[in-house]
Amino acid sequence: MSERLRADARNNRDQIVAAAQIVFREQGVEVSMKEIADRAGVGVGTLYRRFPDRGALISAAAHAYLSGLADLAAIARREESRAWPTLCRFLRECAGLRLGAMAAALEPTLHADMRSDPALTEIRGRVAEHVEAMTAQAQAEGDLRTDIGAMEIARLMTLQIFVFPDEPYEDAVARMMDIILDGLRAHPDRAAVTPQ
């Protein structure tokens, strides 16, 4: 296979995975393969040459989703000087990218695969390590409430925010994240809330 053909094949694969992530987020994983192919700008035959069945495409979309999440966390940790701004930036980016809708579409289908696929297990572990490190450091620096754990932060990564039809999504996310982050922040005069 020539270098050009290999590049075209990689490009088609990337387009299909990107389209699948968008369509899965919008409509769930049971959407027709033709709709995904149309959104990717390729034929159904091209889609099936890259992904022989729905499971293979879902797995590829999940790997891309988790890899993107790990990259977001790594970049935020590298570019921010303290853990609190890192955590705030990361959670805002997760909400802005509507990762909650992606998680809701993929996670139930992939629950068993997450435990059996080494690639998915490894990348999910990397995400968890970033979240645990950000959480622990923000608490050590006195910025994050001590009764908030990595599990609560992980749940907030998949937060879905309702937006009214005439409201810009970015405005709704910014406002709701301001409220949520204020609730996570350590305040000397605020008593910790004991989980029920």
Protein backbone atom coordinates (compact mmCIF):
# COMPACT_ATOMS: atom_id res chain seq x y z
CA MET A 1 0.00 0.00 0.00
CA SER A 2 1.40 3.40 -0.96
CA GLU A 3 2.00 6.11 1.61
CA ARG A 4 -0.85 8.13 0.04
CA LEU A 5 -3.30 5.23 0.37
CA ARG A 6 -2.25 4.63 3.98
CA ALA A 7 -2.76 8.32 4.74
CA ASP A 8 -6.20 8.24 3.08
CA ALA A 9 -7.15 5.14 5.07
CA ARG A 10 -6.06 6.77 8.34
CA ASN A 11 -7.95 9.93 7.43
CA ASN A 12 -11.12 7.95 6.65
CA ARG A 13 -10.80 6.06 9.93
CA ASP A 14 -10.33 9.29 11.91
CA GLN A 15 -13.32 10.91 10.16
CA ILE A 16 -15.51 7.91 10.94
CA VAL A 17 -14.51 7.84 14.61
CA ALA A 18 -15.03 11.60 14.97
CA ALA A 19 -18.45 11.37 13.30
CA ALA A 20 -19.40 8.38 15.45
CA GLN A 21 -18.59 10.30 18.62
CA ILE A 22 -20.84 13.17 17.56
CA VAL A 23 -23.71 10.95 16.42
CA PHE A 24 -23.47 8.67 19.48
CA ARG A 25 -23.55 11.75 21.69
CA GLU A 26 -26.62 13.10 19.88
CA GLN A 27 -28.60 9.91 19.29
CA GLY A 28 -27.06 7.01 21.22
CA VAL A 29 -25.12 3.99 20.00
CA GLU A 30 -28.05 2.33 18.19
CA VAL A 31 -28.02 4.93 15.41
CA SER A 32 -27.71 3.49 11.90
CA MET A 33 -24.23 2.87 10.52
CA LYS A 34 -25.31 4.65 7.34
CA GLU A 35 -25.99 7.82 9.28
CA ILE A 36 -22.49 7.68 10.78
CA ALA A 37 -20.97 7.09 7.33
CA ASP A 38 -22.96 10.00 5.89
CA ARG A 39 -21.84 12.28 8.72
CA ALA A 40 -18.22 11.21 8.12
CA GLY A 41 -18.53 11.85 4.39
CA VAL A 42 -17.67 8.26 3.43
CA GLY A 43 -19.58 5.34 1.98
CA VAL A 44 -21.01 2.58 4.15
CA GLY A 45 -18.58 0.14 2.51
CA THR A 46 -15.64 2.28 3.64
CA LEU A 47 -17.03 2.34 7.17
CA TYR A 48 -17.36 -1.46 7.27
CA ARG A 49 -13.85 -1.94 5.85
CA ARG A 50 -12.50 0.02 8.83
CA PHE A 51 -14.96 -1.31 11.42
CA PRO A 52 -16.45 -4.75 10.70
CA ASP A 53 -19.28 -4.31 13.20
CA ARG A 54 -20.93 -1.81 15.54
CA GLY A 55 -18.96 -3.11 18.53
CA ALA A 56 -15.64 -2.33 16.87
CA LEU A 57 -16.78 1.21 16.09
CA ILE A 58 -18.13 1.76 19.61
CA SER A 59 -14.83 0.53 21.04
CA ALA A 60 -12.84 2.87 18.78
CA ALA A 61 -15.09 5.80 19.71
CA ALA A 62 -14.66 4.97 23.41
CA HIS A 63 -10.89 4.82 23.07
CA ALA A 64 -10.86 8.20 21.27
CA TYR A 65 -13.18 9.66 23.92
CA LEU A 66 -11.04 8.44 26.83
CA SER A 67 -7.80 9.46 25.08
CA GLY A 68 -9.19 12.95 24.56
CA LEU A 69 -10.16 13.11 28.22
CA ALA A 70 -6.68 12.04 29.33
CA ASP A 71 -5.15 14.64 26.99
CA LEU A 72 -7.40 17.41 28.37
CA ALA A 73 -6.32 16.56 31.91
CA ALA A 74 -2.62 16.27 31.03
CA ILE A 75 -2.58 19.60 29.17
CA ALA A 76 -4.42 21.41 31.97
CA ARG A 77 -2.01 19.99 34.56
CA ARG A 78 0.99 21.02 32.46
CA GLU A 79 -0.20 24.55 31.68
CA GLU A 80 -1.74 25.65 35.00
CA SER A 81 0.44 26.58 37.96
CA ARG A 82 -1.86 25.32 40.75
CA ALA A 83 -4.26 22.42 41.13
CA TRP A 84 -7.43 24.48 41.66
CA PRO A 85 -7.27 26.34 38.33
CA THR A 86 -6.30 23.04 36.71
CA LEU A 87 -9.36 21.31 38.13
CA CYS A 88 -11.65 24.21 37.22
CA ARG A 89 -10.33 24.34 33.66
CA PHE A 90 -10.67 20.57 33.25
CA LEU A 91 -14.25 20.43 34.52
CA ARG A 92 -15.26 23.44 32.39
CA GLU A 93 -13.76 21.77 29.30
CA CYS A 94 -15.57 18.50 30.04
CA ALA A 95 -18.90 20.34 30.31
CA GLY A 96 -18.19 22.47 27.24
CA LEU A 97 -17.46 19.37 25.14
CA ARG A 98 -20.67 17.67 26.38
CA LEU A 99 -18.72 14.68 27.60
CA GLY A 100 -21.66 13.71 29.77
CA ALA A 101 -23.73 12.88 26.70
CA MET A 102 -20.86 10.78 25.32
CA ALA A 103 -20.45 8.91 28.60
CA ALA A 104 -24.20 8.28 28.81
CA ALA A 105 -24.16 6.81 25.29
CA LEU A 106 -21.01 4.70 25.61
CA GLU A 107 -20.58 3.61 29.20
CA PRO A 108 -23.58 1.23 29.52
CA THR A 109 -22.60 -0.58 26.31
CA LEU A 110 -18.92 -0.72 27.23
CA HIS A 111 -19.22 -1.56 30.90
CA ALA A 112 -18.01 -5.16 30.45
CA ASP A 113 -15.49 -4.19 27.75
CA MET A 114 -13.86 -1.70 30.11
CA ARG A 115 -12.80 -4.64 32.27
CA SER A 116 -11.75 -6.98 29.44
CA ASP A 117 -10.09 -4.68 26.87
CA PRO A 118 -6.54 -3.85 28.02
CA ALA A 119 -6.39 -0.70 25.84
CA LEU A 120 -9.57 0.73 27.36
CA THR A 121 -8.53 -0.30 30.87
CA GLU A 122 -5.14 1.41 30.46
CA ILE A 123 -6.50 4.69 29.10
CA ARG A 124 -9.27 4.81 31.69
CA GLY A 125 -6.63 4.26 34.37
CA ARG A 126 -4.68 7.25 33.06
CA VAL A 127 -7.76 9.45 33.31
CA ALA A 128 -8.36 8.23 36.88
CA GLU A 129 -4.74 8.99 37.85
CA HIS A 130 -5.07 12.57 36.58
CA VAL A 131 -8.34 13.09 38.44
CA GLU A 132 -6.97 11.65 41.67
CA ALA A 133 -3.81 13.78 41.43
CA MET A 134 -5.73 17.00 40.73
CA THR A 135 -8.15 16.30 43.56
CA ALA A 136 -5.46 15.47 46.13
CA GLN A 137 -3.28 18.43 45.19
CA ALA A 138 -6.17 20.92 45.23
CA GLN A 139 -7.06 19.70 48.72
CA ALA A 140 -3.43 19.85 49.89
CA GLU A 141 -3.23 23.45 48.65
CA GLY A 142 -6.40 24.27 50.62
CA ASP A 143 -8.59 25.15 47.64
CA LEU A 144 -10.86 22.10 47.33
CA ARG A 145 -13.20 20.96 50.09
CA THR A 146 -11.77 17.98 51.94
CA ASP A 147 -15.07 16.08 51.80
CA ILE A 148 -14.96 15.95 47.98
CA GLY A 149 -13.22 12.91 46.55
CA ALA A 150 -12.02 11.88 43.13
CA MET A 151 -15.28 9.95 42.61
CA GLU A 152 -17.33 13.15 42.93
CA ILE A 153 -14.99 14.92 40.51
CA ALA A 154 -15.31 12.00 38.08
CA ARG A 155 -19.09 12.31 38.21
CA LEU A 156 -18.89 16.03 37.52
CA MET A 157 -16.81 15.29 34.41
CA THR A 158 -19.92 13.72 32.90
CA LEU A 159 -22.34 16.43 34.01
CA GLN A 160 -25.05 17.21 31.46
CA ILE A 161 -26.42 20.74 31.46
CA PHE A 162 -29.86 21.51 30.09
CA VAL A 163 -29.91 24.52 27.80
CA PHE A 164 -33.05 26.37 26.68
CA PRO A 165 -33.50 26.54 22.88
CA ASP A 166 -32.83 30.30 22.73
CA GLU A 167 -29.83 30.19 25.08
CA PRO A 168 -26.21 29.88 23.90
CA TYR A 169 -24.76 26.61 25.22
CA GLU A 170 -21.51 28.29 26.26
CA ASP A 171 -23.37 30.83 28.42
CA ALA A 172 -25.35 28.12 30.23
CA VAL A 173 -22.21 26.05 30.83
CA ALA A 174 -20.25 29.04 32.13
CA ARG A 175 -22.99 30.02 34.60
CA MET A 176 -23.65 26.52 35.90
CA MET A 177 -19.94 25.74 36.24
CA ASP A 178 -19.44 28.96 38.23
CA ILE A 179 -22.08 27.75 40.67
CA ILE A 180 -20.73 24.19 40.85
CA LEU A 181 -17.11 25.25 41.30
CA ASP A 182 -18.06 27.68 44.04
CA GLY A 183 -19.72 24.76 45.81
CA LEU A 184 -16.53 22.69 45.52
CA ARG A 185 -14.23 25.43 46.76
CA ALA A 186 -12.97 25.32 50.32
CA HIS A 187 -14.27 28.28 52.31
CA PRO A 188 -13.05 28.72 55.89
CA ASP A 189 -16.52 29.69 57.10
CA ARG A 190 -18.36 26.86 55.34
CA ALA A 191 -18.91 23.59 57.17
CA ALA A 192 -18.17 20.42 55.21
CA VAL A 193 -21.21 18.53 54.01
CA THR A 194 -21.24 14.93 55.13
CA PRO A 195 -22.30 12.61 52.26
CA GLN A 196 -25.59 10.79 52.95
